[in-house]
C-alpha cells in the first residue's frame, strides 16, 4: 500500500520532518545520553539517510552498536521486515551524544 499511496514528495517531506524531530530531541539529551531513533518505515530515505544526514550535522553524535538486534543489518541500524505472521516492519538506530 505504501508504494501506491505515498509519492516521492511525501517521502522527502516525511524524511525532512523526521530529521527535524530528531534534532529537536537531541537538544534535550544530556552528554553521554542515548537516543533510539525508530520509524515504522521500510524506506531508506526515512531511515539510514536520516541518520546519515544527522550525524553529518551533529559532531557530538555517533551511532552505537546495539546490544541486542532483531532484523537485518543496515548501514546505521536494523531493519525489521514485515512478517508473514502479521508483524510490522520498522527501523531503529541507537545514537550516543558525546
PDB file of N, CA and C in Angstrom:
ATOM      1  N   UNK A   1       0.814  -1.201   0.000  1.00  0.00           N
ATOM      2  CA  UNK A   1       0.000   0.000   0.000  1.00  0.00           C
ATOM      3  C   UNK A   1       0.856   1.263   0.000  1.00  0.00           C
ATOM      4  N   UNK A   2       1.972   1.239   0.708  1.00  0.00           N
ATOM      5  CA  UNK A   2       2.808   2.431   0.812  1.00  0.00           C
ATOM      6  C   UNK A   2       3.283   2.881  -0.561  1.00  0.00           C
ATOM      7  N   UNK A   3       3.687   1.945  -1.395  1.00  0.00           N
ATOM      8  CA  UNK A   3       4.172   2.299  -2.724  1.00  0.00           C
ATOM      9  C   UNK A   3       3.081   2.966  -3.554  1.00  0.00           C
ATOM     10  N   UNK A   4       1.843   2.617  -3.314  1.00  0.00           N
ATOM     11  CA  UNK A   4       0.732   3.172  -4.067  1.00  0.00           C
ATOM     12  C   UNK A   4       0.296   4.514  -3.487  1.00  0.00           C
ATOM     13  N   UNK A   5       0.306   4.634  -2.183  1.00  0.00           N
ATOM     14  CA  UNK A   5      -0.236   5.806  -1.502  1.00  0.00           C
ATOM     15  C   UNK A   5       0.747   6.973  -1.455  1.00  0.00           C
ATOM     16  N   UNK A   6       2.017   6.711  -1.211  1.00  0.00           N
ATOM     17  CA  UNK A   6       2.984   7.776  -0.979  1.00  0.00           C
ATOM     18  C   UNK A   6       3.733   8.159  -2.244  1.00  0.00           C
ATOM     19  N   UNK A   7       3.910   9.457  -2.418  1.00  0.00           N
ATOM     20  CA  UNK A   7       4.664   9.965  -3.560  1.00  0.00           C
ATOM     21  C   UNK A   7       6.097  10.260  -3.120  1.00  0.00           C
ATOM     22  N   UNK A   8       6.959  10.510  -4.093  1.00  0.00           N
ATOM     23  CA  UNK A   8       8.346  10.878  -3.786  1.00  0.00           C
ATOM     24  C   UNK A   8       8.382  12.144  -2.912  1.00  0.00           C
ATOM     25  N   UNK A   9       7.504  13.093  -3.218  1.00  0.00           N
ATOM     26  CA  UNK A   9       7.437  14.327  -2.425  1.00  0.00           C
ATOM     27  C   UNK A   9       7.030  14.029  -0.984  1.00  0.00           C
ATOM     28  N   UNK A  10       6.100  13.093  -0.801  1.00  0.00           N
ATOM     29  CA  UNK A  10       5.695  12.696   0.554  1.00  0.00           C
ATOM     30  C   UNK A  10       6.882  12.138   1.328  1.00  0.00           C
ATOM     31  N   UNK A  11       7.630  11.261   0.687  1.00  0.00           N
ATOM     32  CA  UNK A  11       8.778  10.631   1.343  1.00  0.00           C
ATOM     33  C   UNK A  11       9.802  11.688   1.733  1.00  0.00           C
ATOM     34  N   UNK A  12      10.087  12.623   0.836  1.00  0.00           N
ATOM     35  CA  UNK A  12      11.040  13.699   1.134  1.00  0.00           C
ATOM     36  C   UNK A  12      10.545  14.558   2.292  1.00  0.00           C
ATOM     37  N   UNK A  13       9.256  14.854   2.304  1.00  0.00           N
ATOM     38  CA  UNK A  13       8.677  15.665   3.375  1.00  0.00           C
ATOM     39  C   UNK A  13       8.755  14.933   4.717  1.00  0.00           C
ATOM     40  N   UNK A  14       8.421  13.657   4.739  1.00  0.00           N
ATOM     41  CA  UNK A  14       8.494  12.884   5.983  1.00  0.00           C
ATOM     42  C   UNK A  14       9.931  12.766   6.473  1.00  0.00           C
ATOM     43  N   UNK A  15      10.866  12.537   5.571  1.00  0.00           N
ATOM     44  CA  UNK A  15      12.274  12.428   5.961  1.00  0.00           C
ATOM     45  C   UNK A  15      12.773  13.743   6.550  1.00  0.00           C
ATOM     46  N   UNK A  16      12.384  14.852   5.960  1.00  0.00           N
ATOM     47  CA  UNK A  16      12.768  16.166   6.475  1.00  0.00           C
ATOM     48  C   UNK A  16      12.181  16.398   7.865  1.00  0.00           C
ATOM     49  N   UNK A  17      10.924  16.048   8.040  1.00  0.00           N
ATOM     50  CA  UNK A  17      10.274  16.183   9.344  1.00  0.00           C
ATOM     51  C   UNK A  17      10.944  15.285  10.382  1.00  0.00           C
ATOM     52  N   UNK A  18      11.276  14.067  10.002  1.00  0.00           N
ATOM     53  CA  UNK A  18      11.930  13.150  10.936  1.00  0.00           C
ATOM     54  C   UNK A  18      13.289  13.687  11.366  1.00  0.00           C
ATOM     55  N   UNK A  19      14.023  14.300  10.438  1.00  0.00           N
ATOM     56  CA  UNK A  19      15.309  14.897  10.783  1.00  0.00           C
ATOM     57  C   UNK A  19      15.116  16.052  11.762  1.00  0.00           C
ATOM     58  N   UNK A  20      14.105  16.880  11.543  1.00  0.00           N
ATOM     59  CA  UNK A  20      13.798  17.984  12.463  1.00  0.00           C
ATOM     60  C   UNK A  20      13.442  17.450  13.851  1.00  0.00           C
ATOM     61  N   UNK A  21      12.613  16.423  13.910  1.00  0.00           N
ATOM     62  CA  UNK A  21      12.225  15.839  15.197  1.00  0.00           C
ATOM     63  C   UNK A  21      13.430  15.245  15.919  1.00  0.00           C
ATOM     64  N   UNK A  22      14.287  14.584  15.176  1.00  0.00           N
ATOM     65  CA  UNK A  22      15.495  14.002  15.757  1.00  0.00           C
ATOM     66  C   UNK A  22      16.396  15.095  16.325  1.00  0.00           C
ATOM     67  N   UNK A  23      16.574  16.176  15.585  1.00  0.00           N
ATOM     68  CA  UNK A  23      17.408  17.275  16.070  1.00  0.00           C
ATOM     69  C   UNK A  23      16.795  17.933  17.306  1.00  0.00           C
ATOM     70  N   UNK A  24      15.496  18.064  17.336  1.00  0.00           N
ATOM     71  CA  UNK A  24      14.816  18.646  18.492  1.00  0.00           C
ATOM     72  C   UNK A  24      14.996  17.772  19.731  1.00  0.00           C
ATOM     73  N   UNK A  25      14.827  16.476  19.575  1.00  0.00           N
ATOM     74  CA  UNK A  25      15.021  15.552  20.700  1.00  0.00           C
ATOM     75  C   UNK A  25      16.473  15.565  21.157  1.00  0.00           C
ATOM     76  N   UNK A  26      17.397  15.687  20.214  1.00  0.00           N
ATOM     77  CA  UNK A  26      18.830  15.686  20.525  1.00  0.00           C
ATOM     78  C   UNK A  26      19.191  16.837  21.462  1.00  0.00           C
ATOM     79  N   UNK A  27      18.553  17.982  21.272  1.00  0.00           N
ATOM     80  CA  UNK A  27      18.828  19.148  22.118  1.00  0.00           C
ATOM     81  C   UNK A  27      18.476  18.883  23.579  1.00  0.00           C
ATOM     82  N   UNK A  28      17.530  17.999  23.821  1.00  0.00           N
ATOM     83  CA  UNK A  28      17.099  17.688  25.183  1.00  0.00           C
ATOM     84  C   UNK A  28      17.960  16.621  25.848  1.00  0.00           C
ATOM     85  N   UNK A  29      18.804  15.965  25.077  1.00  0.00           N
ATOM     86  CA  UNK A  29      19.604  14.843  25.566  1.00  0.00           C
ATOM     87  C   UNK A  29      20.911  15.341  26.176  1.00  0.00           C
ATOM     88  N   UNK A  30      21.227  14.867  27.366  1.00  0.00           N
ATOM     89  CA  UNK A  30      22.478  15.238  28.036  1.00  0.00           C
ATOM     90  C   UNK A  30      23.654  14.501  27.399  1.00  0.00           C
ATOM     91  N   UNK A  31      24.835  15.055  27.573  1.00  0.00           N
ATOM     92  CA  UNK A  31      26.051  14.390  27.103  1.00  0.00           C
ATOM     93  C   UNK A  31      26.136  13.008  27.749  1.00  0.00           C
ATOM     94  N   UNK A  32      26.495  12.024  26.968  1.00  0.00           N
ATOM     95  CA  UNK A  32      26.545  10.646  27.443  1.00  0.00           C
ATOM     96  C   UNK A  32      25.225   9.914  27.294  1.00  0.00           C
ATOM     97  N   UNK A  33      24.178  10.649  26.918  1.00  0.00           N
ATOM     98  CA  UNK A  33      22.858  10.048  26.767  1.00  0.00           C
ATOM     99  C   UNK A  33      22.720   9.254  25.487  1.00  0.00           C
ATOM    100  N   UNK A  34      21.727   8.392  25.474  1.00  0.00           N
ATOM    101  CA  UNK A  34      21.434   7.557  24.316  1.00  0.00           C
ATOM    102  C   UNK A  34      20.048   7.893  23.789  1.00  0.00           C
ATOM    103  N   UNK A  35      19.911   7.858  22.479  1.00  0.00           N
ATOM    104  CA  UNK A  35      18.631   8.112  21.843  1.00  0.00           C
ATOM    105  C   UNK A  35      18.388   7.003  20.824  1.00  0.00           C
ATOM    106  N   UNK A  36      17.261   6.348  20.934  1.00  0.00           N
ATOM    107  CA  UNK A  36      16.899   5.304  19.981  1.00  0.00           C
ATOM    108  C   UNK A  36      15.978   5.921  18.933  1.00  0.00           C
ATOM    109  N   UNK A  37      16.482   6.048  17.717  1.00  0.00           N
ATOM    110  CA  UNK A  37      15.692   6.551  16.596  1.00  0.00           C
ATOM    111  C   UNK A  37      14.969   5.353  15.987  1.00  0.00           C
ATOM    112  N   UNK A  38      13.668   5.467  15.842  1.00  0.00           N
ATOM    113  CA  UNK A  38      12.891   4.356  15.287  1.00  0.00           C
ATOM    114  C   UNK A  38      11.787   4.896  14.389  1.00  0.00           C
ATOM    115  N   UNK A  39      11.530   4.173  13.312  1.00  0.00           N
ATOM    116  CA  UNK A  39      10.428   4.519  12.418  1.00  0.00           C
ATOM    117  C   UNK A  39       9.638   3.255  12.086  1.00  0.00           C
ATOM    118  N   UNK A  40       8.465   3.470  11.572  1.00  0.00           N
ATOM    119  CA  UNK A  40       7.651   2.361  11.063  1.00  0.00           C
ATOM    120  C   UNK A  40       7.819   2.235   9.556  1.00  0.00           C
ATOM    121  N   UNK A  41       8.837   2.891   9.028  1.00  0.00           N
ATOM    122  CA  UNK A  41       9.069   2.912   7.586  1.00  0.00           C
ATOM    123  C   UNK A  41      10.074   1.848   7.158  1.00  0.00           C
ATOM    124  N   UNK A  42       9.918   1.377   5.946  1.00  0.00           N
ATOM    125  CA  UNK A  42      10.886   0.467   5.337  1.00  0.00           C
ATOM    126  C   UNK A  42      11.751   1.193   4.313  1.00  0.00           C
ATOM    127  N   UNK A  43      11.510   2.479   4.119  1.00  0.00           N
ATOM    128  CA  UNK A  43      12.207   3.240   3.089  1.00  0.00           C
ATOM    129  C   UNK A  43      13.534   3.801   3.598  1.00  0.00           C
ATOM    130  N   UNK A  44      14.619   3.566   2.884  1.00  0.00           N
ATOM    131  CA  UNK A  44      15.930   4.045   3.334  1.00  0.00           C
ATOM    132  C   UNK A  44      15.999   5.565   3.471  1.00  0.00           C
ATOM    133  N   UNK A  45      15.205   6.295   2.697  1.00  0.00           N
ATOM    134  CA  UNK A  45      15.198   7.754   2.797  1.00  0.00           C
ATOM    135  C   UNK A  45      14.738   8.236   4.171  1.00  0.00           C
ATOM    136  N   UNK A  46      13.929   7.441   4.837  1.00  0.00           N
ATOM    137  CA  UNK A  46      13.409   7.813   6.150  1.00  0.00           C
ATOM    138  C   UNK A  46      14.188   7.160   7.285  1.00  0.00           C
ATOM    139  N   UNK A  47      15.155   6.350   6.940  1.00  0.00           N
ATOM    140  CA  UNK A  47      15.874   5.576   7.947  1.00  0.00           C
ATOM    141  C   UNK A  47      17.362   5.903   7.918  1.00  0.00           C
ATOM    142  N   UNK A  48      18.155   5.099   7.241  1.00  0.00           N
ATOM    143  CA  UNK A  48      19.598   5.334   7.193  1.00  0.00           C
ATOM    144  C   UNK A  48      19.949   6.717   6.655  1.00  0.00           C
ATOM    145  N   UNK A  49      19.199   7.215   5.684  1.00  0.00           N
ATOM    146  CA  UNK A  49      19.502   8.535   5.121  1.00  0.00           C
ATOM    147  C   UNK A  49      19.311   9.639   6.160  1.00  0.00           C
ATOM    148  N   UNK A  50      18.310   9.510   7.015  1.00  0.00           N
ATOM    149  CA  UNK A  50      18.098  10.496   8.081  1.00  0.00           C
ATOM    150  C   UNK A  50      19.251  10.437   9.080  1.00  0.00           C
ATOM    151  N   UNK A  51      19.654   9.237   9.467  1.00  0.00           N
ATOM    152  CA  UNK A  51      20.771   9.090  10.403  1.00  0.00           C
ATOM    153  C   UNK A  51      22.051   9.632   9.781  1.00  0.00           C
ATOM    154  N   UNK A  52      22.288   9.340   8.522  1.00  0.00           N
ATOM    155  CA  UNK A  52      23.474   9.828   7.825  1.00  0.00           C
ATOM    156  C   UNK A  52      23.513  11.355   7.833  1.00  0.00           C
ATOM    157  N   UNK A  53      22.406  11.993   7.486  1.00  0.00           N
ATOM    158  CA  UNK A  53      22.331  13.456   7.483  1.00  0.00           C
ATOM    159  C   UNK A  53      22.515  14.015   8.888  1.00  0.00           C
ATOM    160  N   UNK A  54      21.931  13.343   9.865  1.00  0.00           N
ATOM    161  CA  UNK A  54      22.009  13.816  11.246  1.00  0.00           C
ATOM    162  C   UNK A  54      23.437  13.780  11.782  1.00  0.00           C
ATOM    163  N   UNK A  55      24.130  12.666  11.621  1.00  0.00           N
ATOM    164  CA  UNK A  55      25.489  12.578  12.169  1.00  0.00           C
ATOM    165  C   UNK A  55      26.466  13.456  11.381  1.00  0.00           C
ATOM    166  N   UNK A  56      26.125  13.789  10.147  1.00  0.00           N
ATOM    167  CA  UNK A  56      26.953  14.730   9.383  1.00  0.00           C
ATOM    168  C   UNK A  56      26.817  16.143   9.944  1.00  0.00           C
ATOM    169  N   UNK A  57      25.663  16.469  10.513  1.00  0.00           N
ATOM    170  CA  UNK A  57      25.399  17.808  11.075  1.00  0.00           C
ATOM    171  C   UNK A  57      25.828  17.933  12.532  1.00  0.00           C
ATOM    172  N   UNK A  58      25.698  16.860  13.271  1.00  0.00           N
ATOM    173  CA  UNK A  58      25.940  16.894  14.715  1.00  0.00           C
ATOM    174  C   UNK A  58      27.272  16.230  15.041  1.00  0.00           C
ATOM    175  N   UNK A  59      28.274  17.040  15.350  1.00  0.00           N
ATOM    176  CA  UNK A  59      29.611  16.492  15.616  1.00  0.00           C
ATOM    177  C   UNK A  59      29.658  15.675  16.904  1.00  0.00           C
ATOM    178  N   UNK A  60      28.686  15.863  17.782  1.00  0.00           N
ATOM    179  CA  UNK A  60      28.660  15.122  19.045  1.00  0.00           C
ATOM    180  C   UNK A  60      27.754  13.889  18.987  1.00  0.00           C
ATOM    181  N   UNK A  61      27.392  13.476  17.784  1.00  0.00           N
ATOM    182  CA  UNK A  61      26.523  12.303  17.614  1.00  0.00           C
ATOM    183  C   UNK A  61      27.299  11.167  16.968  1.00  0.00           C
ATOM    184  N   UNK A  62      27.094   9.975  17.500  1.00  0.00           N
ATOM    185  CA  UNK A  62      27.675   8.783  16.884  1.00  0.00           C
ATOM    186  C   UNK A  62      26.685   7.634  17.003  1.00  0.00           C
ATOM    187  N   UNK A  63      26.799   6.714  16.085  1.00  0.00           N
ATOM    188  CA  UNK A  63      25.946   5.526  16.096  1.00  0.00           C
ATOM    189  C   UNK A  63      26.613   4.489  16.976  1.00  0.00           C
ATOM    190  N   UNK A  64      25.836   3.892  17.853  1.00  0.00           N
ATOM    191  CA  UNK A  64      26.350   2.882  18.775  1.00  0.00           C
ATOM    192  C   UNK A  64      25.876   1.498  18.347  1.00  0.00           C
ATOM    193  N   UNK A  65      26.738   0.502  18.498  1.00  0.00           N
ATOM    194  CA  UNK A  65      26.270  -0.863  18.246  1.00  0.00           C
ATOM    195  C   UNK A  65      25.112  -1.189  19.190  1.00  0.00           C
ATOM    196  N   UNK A  66      24.158  -1.889  18.685  1.00  0.00           N
ATOM    197  CA  UNK A  66      23.007  -2.264  19.504  1.00  0.00           C
ATOM    198  C   UNK A  66      23.349  -3.497  20.329  1.00  0.00           C
ATOM    199  N   UNK A  67      22.977  -3.496  21.619  1.00  0.00           N
ATOM    200  CA  UNK A  67      23.311  -4.633  22.473  1.00  0.00           C
ATOM    201  C   UNK A  67      22.597  -5.918  22.066  1.00  0.00           C
ATOM    202  N   UNK A  68      21.430  -5.766  21.492  1.00  0.00           N
ATOM    203  CA  UNK A  68      20.649  -6.912  21.054  1.00  0.00           C
ATOM    204  C   UNK A  68      19.949  -6.479  19.770  1.00  0.00           C
ATOM    205  N   UNK A  69      19.969  -7.305  18.761  1.00  0.00           N
ATOM    206  CA  UNK A  69      19.373  -6.885  17.496  1.00  0.00           C
ATOM    207  C   UNK A  69      18.308  -7.854  17.019  1.00  0.00           C
ATOM    208  N   UNK A  70      17.365  -7.276  16.322  1.00  0.00           N
ATOM    209  CA  UNK A  70      16.317  -8.028  15.642  1.00  0.00           C
ATOM    210  C   UNK A  70      16.231  -7.417  14.254  1.00  0.00           C
ATOM    211  N   UNK A  71      16.266  -8.220  13.239  1.00  0.00           N
ATOM    212  CA  UNK A  71      16.180  -7.690  11.887  1.00  0.00           C
ATOM    213  C   UNK A  71      17.486  -7.847  11.141  1.00  0.00           C
ATOM    214  N   UNK A  72      17.560  -7.157  10.023  1.00  0.00           N
ATOM    215  CA  UNK A  72      18.756  -7.246   9.193  1.00  0.00           C
ATOM    216  C   UNK A  72      19.618  -6.001   9.377  1.00  0.00           C
ATOM    217  N   UNK A  73      20.915  -6.179   9.270  1.00  0.00           N
ATOM    218  CA  UNK A  73      21.841  -5.061   9.430  1.00  0.00           C
ATOM    219  C   UNK A  73      21.692  -4.078   8.279  1.00  0.00           C
ATOM    220  N   UNK A  74      21.615  -2.809   8.656  1.00  0.00           N
ATOM    221  CA  UNK A  74      21.649  -1.717   7.693  1.00  0.00           C
ATOM    222  C   UNK A  74      22.919  -0.923   8.002  1.00  0.00           C
ATOM    223  N   UNK A  75      23.174   0.131   7.280  1.00  0.00           N
ATOM    224  CA  UNK A  75      24.404   0.904   7.495  1.00  0.00           C
ATOM    225  C   UNK A  75      24.489   1.452   8.917  1.00  0.00           C
ATOM    226  N   UNK A  76      23.386   2.017   9.427  1.00  0.00           N
ATOM    227  CA  UNK A  76      23.400   2.651  10.743  1.00  0.00           C
ATOM    228  C   UNK A  76      22.475   2.009  11.765  1.00  0.00           C
ATOM    229  N   UNK A  77      21.754   0.974  11.408  1.00  0.00           N
ATOM    230  CA  UNK A  77      20.808   0.382  12.347  1.00  0.00           C
ATOM    231  C   UNK A  77      20.325  -0.976  11.881  1.00  0.00           C
ATOM    232  N   UNK A  78      19.115  -1.290  12.282  1.00  0.00           N
ATOM    233  CA  UNK A  78      18.489  -2.573  11.966  1.00  0.00           C
ATOM    234  C   UNK A  78      17.144  -2.321  11.282  1.00  0.00           C
ATOM    235  N   UNK A  79      16.824  -3.160  10.303  1.00  0.00           N
ATOM    236  CA  UNK A  79      15.552  -3.093   9.594  1.00  0.00           C
ATOM    237  C   UNK A  79      14.798  -4.388   9.848  1.00  0.00           C
ATOM    238  N   UNK A  80      13.586  -4.262  10.337  1.00  0.00           N
ATOM    239  CA  UNK A  80      12.721  -5.420  10.539  1.00  0.00           C
ATOM    240  C   UNK A  80      11.710  -5.422   9.396  1.00  0.00           C
ATOM    241  N   UNK A  81      11.659  -6.522   8.689  1.00  0.00           N
ATOM    242  CA  UNK A  81      10.757  -6.662   7.547  1.00  0.00           C
ATOM    243  C   UNK A  81       9.433  -7.246   8.050  1.00  0.00           C
ATOM    244  N   UNK A  82       8.300  -6.748   7.530  1.00  0.00           N
ATOM    245  CA  UNK A  82       7.015  -7.309   7.963  1.00  0.00           C
ATOM    246  C   UNK A  82       6.997  -8.822   7.771  1.00  0.00           C
ATOM    247  N   UNK A  83       6.486  -9.492   8.766  1.00  0.00           N
ATOM    248  CA  UNK A  83       6.487 -10.957   8.712  1.00  0.00           C
ATOM    249  C   UNK A  83       5.174 -11.498   8.173  1.00  0.00           C
ATOM    250  N   UNK A  84       5.256 -12.699   7.749  1.00  0.00           N
ATOM    251  CA  UNK A  84       4.070 -13.405   7.267  1.00  0.00           C
ATOM    252  C   UNK A  84       3.081 -13.606   8.407  1.00  0.00           C
ATOM    253  N   UNK A  85       3.601 -13.640   9.629  1.00  0.00           N
ATOM    254  CA  UNK A  85       2.753 -13.871  10.797  1.00  0.00           C
ATOM    255  C   UNK A  85       2.056 -12.611  11.294  1.00  0.00           C
ATOM    256  N   UNK A  86       2.212 -11.504  10.578  1.00  0.00           N
ATOM    257  CA  UNK A  86       1.483 -10.302  10.947  1.00  0.00           C
ATOM    258  C   UNK A  86       2.299  -9.238  11.646  1.00  0.00           C
ATOM    259  N   UNK A  87       3.593  -9.460  11.853  1.00  0.00           N
ATOM    260  CA  UNK A  87       4.420  -8.425  12.469  1.00  0.00           C
ATOM    261  C   UNK A  87       4.620  -7.252  11.523  1.00  0.00           C
ATOM    262  N   UNK A  88       4.846  -6.084  12.096  1.00  0.00           N
ATOM    263  CA  UNK A  88       5.046  -4.880  11.298  1.00  0.00           C
ATOM    264  C   UNK A  88       6.517  -4.668  10.986  1.00  0.00           C
ATOM    265  N   UNK A  89       6.786  -3.894   9.953  1.00  0.00           N
ATOM    266  CA  UNK A  89       8.144  -3.513   9.620  1.00  0.00           C
ATOM    267  C   UNK A  89       8.548  -2.279  10.404  1.00  0.00           C
ATOM    268  N   UNK A  90       9.838  -2.177  10.686  1.00  0.00           N
ATOM    269  CA  UNK A  90      10.350  -0.998  11.376  1.00  0.00           C
ATOM    270  C   UNK A  90      11.855  -0.895  11.191  1.00  0.00           C
ATOM    271  N   UNK A  91      12.387   0.252  11.597  1.00  0.00           N
ATOM    272  CA  UNK A  91      13.822   0.522  11.550  1.00  0.00           C
ATOM    273  C   UNK A  91      14.202   1.149  12.879  1.00  0.00           C
ATOM    274  N   UNK A  92      15.409   0.849  13.356  1.00  0.00           N
ATOM    275  CA  UNK A  92      15.886   1.506  14.569  1.00  0.00           C
ATOM    276  C   UNK A  92      17.401   1.638  14.553  1.00  0.00           C
ATOM    277  N   UNK A  93      17.878   2.708  15.205  1.00  0.00           N
ATOM    278  CA  UNK A  93      19.304   3.005  15.281  1.00  0.00           C
ATOM    279  C   UNK A  93      19.566   3.685  16.623  1.00  0.00           C
ATOM    280  N   UNK A  94      20.635   3.277  17.300  1.00  0.00           N
ATOM    281  CA  UNK A  94      20.976   3.829  18.610  1.00  0.00           C
ATOM    282  C   UNK A  94      22.058   4.889  18.455  1.00  0.00           C
ATOM    283  N   UNK A  95      21.765   6.091  18.943  1.00  0.00           N
ATOM    284  CA  UNK A  95      22.693   7.214  18.867  1.00  0.00           C
ATOM    285  C   UNK A  95      23.203   7.563  20.258  1.00  0.00           C
ATOM    286  N   UNK A  96      24.476   7.958  20.332  1.00  0.00           N
ATOM    287  CA  UNK A  96      25.107   8.364  21.587  1.00  0.00           C
ATOM    288  C   UNK A  96      25.558   9.809  21.448  1.00  0.00           C
ATOM    289  N   UNK A  97      25.309  10.599  22.491  1.00  0.00           N
ATOM    290  CA  UNK A  97      25.742  12.001  22.497  1.00  0.00           C
ATOM    291  C   UNK A  97      27.016  12.132  23.320  1.00  0.00           C
ATOM    292  N   UNK A  98      28.072  12.632  22.686  1.00  0.00           N
ATOM    293  CA  UNK A  98      29.343  12.795  23.413  1.00  0.00           C
ATOM    294  C   UNK A  98      29.434  14.170  24.055  1.00  0.00           C
TER     295      UNK A  98
END
